[in-house]
């Protein structure tokens, strides 16, 4: 079980953001007194991570039916960013992540905007290729018109 502070450190987010995820129901948690506790499995599900079976000596790593699955987690922070620019960028990024062909693994994307800091954080979890493509898109979009 993790505290909201520990989850914030793990994800590189502000603790208020994690608490907001809990209150919104996006991140399951148990309330103990005045604090929330997040189960490791719930955190893995939230970030798209998978806990594997313990490795056995001499056994190949990965799925028995193919090559190992490689996942990448990336946190991108863009600041300063106006609320209008944040809305456009977050919409484009989440739309791009949602366009998948049938049978392919989904790229998971979460966006969080801090109006006090004029800062947008993008959390992406997916295959190495998909995450790299999303990061290239974010880089291009964040540059704005040249």
Protein backbone atom coordinates (compact mmCIF):
# COMPACT_ATOMS: atom_id res chain seq x y z
CA UNK A 1 0.00 0.00 0.00
CA UNK A 2 1.27 3.44 -0.94
CA UNK A 3 0.41 6.85 0.49
CA UNK A 4 -0.66 9.63 -1.87
CA UNK A 5 2.72 11.25 -1.25
CA UNK A 6 4.56 8.09 -2.30
CA UNK A 7 2.42 7.76 -5.44
CA UNK A 8 3.08 11.42 -6.26
CA UNK A 9 6.84 10.78 -5.97
CA UNK A 10 6.63 7.64 -8.10
CA UNK A 11 4.67 9.38 -10.87
CA UNK A 12 6.46 12.73 -10.61
CA UNK A 13 3.19 14.52 -9.89
CA UNK A 14 2.02 16.90 -7.20
CA UNK A 15 0.31 15.20 -4.25
CA UNK A 16 -2.84 17.30 -4.89
CA UNK A 17 -3.03 15.83 -8.39
CA UNK A 18 -2.92 12.29 -6.98
CA UNK A 19 -5.60 13.16 -4.42
CA UNK A 20 -7.72 14.57 -7.25
CA UNK A 21 -7.37 11.29 -9.15
CA UNK A 22 -8.53 9.45 -6.01
CA UNK A 23 -11.49 11.79 -5.43
CA UNK A 24 -12.51 11.54 -9.12
CA UNK A 25 -12.43 7.74 -8.90
CA UNK A 26 -9.71 7.39 -11.53
CA UNK A 27 -7.27 5.93 -8.99
CA UNK A 28 -8.84 3.46 -6.53
CA UNK A 29 -7.81 4.01 -2.91
CA UNK A 30 -8.82 3.08 0.61
CA UNK A 31 -9.37 5.83 3.13
CA UNK A 32 -7.74 5.17 6.49
CA UNK A 33 -8.56 7.96 8.89
CA UNK A 34 -7.74 11.16 7.05
CA UNK A 35 -5.32 9.53 4.59
CA UNK A 36 -5.69 7.51 1.42
CA UNK A 37 -3.77 4.30 0.73
CA UNK A 38 -3.31 3.01 -2.81
CA UNK A 39 -2.71 -0.67 -3.49
CA UNK A 40 0.23 -1.56 -5.72
CA UNK A 41 -2.04 -3.43 -8.14
CA UNK A 42 -4.31 -0.37 -8.44
CA UNK A 43 -1.30 1.85 -9.12
CA UNK A 44 -0.08 -0.62 -11.76
CA UNK A 45 -3.52 -0.63 -13.40
CA UNK A 46 -3.62 3.18 -13.33
CA UNK A 47 -0.23 3.51 -15.04
CA UNK A 48 -0.71 0.53 -17.35
CA UNK A 49 2.14 -1.42 -15.77
CA UNK A 50 1.93 -5.16 -15.37
CA UNK A 51 3.32 -7.18 -12.51
CA UNK A 52 4.93 -10.27 -13.94
CA UNK A 53 5.28 -13.70 -12.47
CA UNK A 54 8.50 -14.32 -10.57
CA UNK A 55 11.28 -15.28 -12.95
CA UNK A 56 12.58 -18.80 -12.82
CA UNK A 57 16.25 -19.50 -13.54
CA UNK A 58 16.75 -20.61 -17.13
CA UNK A 59 13.32 -19.37 -18.24
CA UNK A 60 13.07 -16.77 -21.01
CA UNK A 61 11.69 -13.40 -19.92
CA UNK A 62 8.36 -12.34 -21.46
CA UNK A 63 5.26 -14.03 -22.71
CA UNK A 64 5.58 -17.70 -23.60
CA UNK A 65 3.88 -17.08 -26.96
CA UNK A 66 6.21 -14.36 -28.26
CA UNK A 67 8.86 -11.78 -27.57
CA UNK A 68 8.87 -9.85 -24.30
CA UNK A 69 6.60 -6.83 -24.10
CA UNK A 70 8.48 -3.57 -23.73
CA UNK A 71 6.58 -0.72 -22.10
CA UNK A 72 7.71 2.84 -21.57
CA UNK A 73 6.37 5.38 -19.08
CA UNK A 74 7.00 9.03 -19.81
CA UNK A 75 6.08 12.20 -17.96
CA UNK A 76 6.32 15.42 -19.92
CA UNK A 77 5.91 18.86 -18.35
CA UNK A 78 5.26 21.91 -20.51
CA UNK A 79 5.31 25.40 -18.99
CA UNK A 80 4.33 28.14 -19.31
CA UNK A 81 1.18 27.25 -21.22
CA UNK A 82 -2.06 29.22 -21.41
CA UNK A 83 -5.36 27.45 -20.62
CA UNK A 84 -6.40 27.68 -24.31
CA UNK A 85 -3.10 26.22 -25.52
CA UNK A 86 -3.34 23.51 -22.85
CA UNK A 87 -6.85 22.54 -24.02
CA UNK A 88 -5.73 22.28 -27.65
CA UNK A 89 -2.56 20.32 -26.83
CA UNK A 90 -4.27 17.94 -24.36
CA UNK A 91 -7.09 17.26 -26.85
CA UNK A 92 -4.67 16.53 -29.70
CA UNK A 93 -2.47 14.29 -27.56
CA UNK A 94 -5.34 12.24 -26.09
CA UNK A 95 -6.96 11.97 -29.54
CA UNK A 96 -3.72 10.75 -31.07
CA UNK A 97 -3.35 8.15 -28.32
CA UNK A 98 -6.91 6.91 -28.91
CA UNK A 99 -6.43 6.11 -32.60
CA UNK A 100 -5.43 2.44 -32.61
CA UNK A 101 -6.05 -0.33 -35.07
CA UNK A 102 -7.93 -3.41 -33.86
CA UNK A 103 -5.82 -5.89 -31.95
CA UNK A 104 -3.12 -3.41 -30.96
CA UNK A 105 -2.20 -2.44 -27.41
CA UNK A 106 -3.64 0.85 -26.24
CA UNK A 107 -1.41 3.81 -25.46
CA UNK A 108 -2.54 5.24 -22.10
CA UNK A 109 -2.38 9.02 -21.70
CA UNK A 110 -3.36 11.27 -18.79
CA UNK A 111 -3.07 15.04 -18.76
CA UNK A 112 -3.04 17.35 -15.75
CA UNK A 113 -3.02 21.15 -15.89
CA UNK A 114 -1.91 23.32 -12.97
CA UNK A 115 -3.37 26.79 -13.61
CA UNK A 116 -1.29 28.37 -10.82
CA UNK A 117 1.93 27.29 -12.50
CA UNK A 118 0.52 27.42 -16.07
CA UNK A 119 1.96 23.93 -16.40
CA UNK A 120 0.68 20.87 -18.27
CA UNK A 121 1.89 17.38 -17.36
CA UNK A 122 1.34 14.51 -19.75
CA UNK A 123 1.71 10.94 -18.46
CA UNK A 124 2.05 8.34 -21.24
CA UNK A 125 2.38 4.58 -20.87
CA UNK A 126 2.66 2.26 -23.86
CA UNK A 127 5.00 0.43 -26.15
CA UNK A 128 8.37 2.01 -26.83
CA UNK A 129 7.43 2.89 -30.42
CA UNK A 130 4.02 4.36 -29.52
CA UNK A 131 5.43 6.39 -26.64
CA UNK A 132 8.28 7.69 -28.81
CA UNK A 133 5.80 8.73 -31.52
CA UNK A 134 3.66 10.51 -28.93
CA UNK A 135 6.71 12.33 -27.52
CA UNK A 136 7.65 13.46 -31.05
CA UNK A 137 4.10 14.74 -31.54
CA UNK A 138 4.20 16.61 -28.22
CA UNK A 139 7.54 18.13 -29.15
CA UNK A 140 6.21 19.31 -32.51
CA UNK A 141 2.93 20.64 -31.11
CA UNK A 142 4.55 22.42 -28.17
CA UNK A 143 6.82 24.41 -30.49
CA UNK A 144 3.79 26.15 -31.98
CA UNK A 145 3.75 27.85 -35.37
CA UNK A 146 7.17 28.78 -36.67
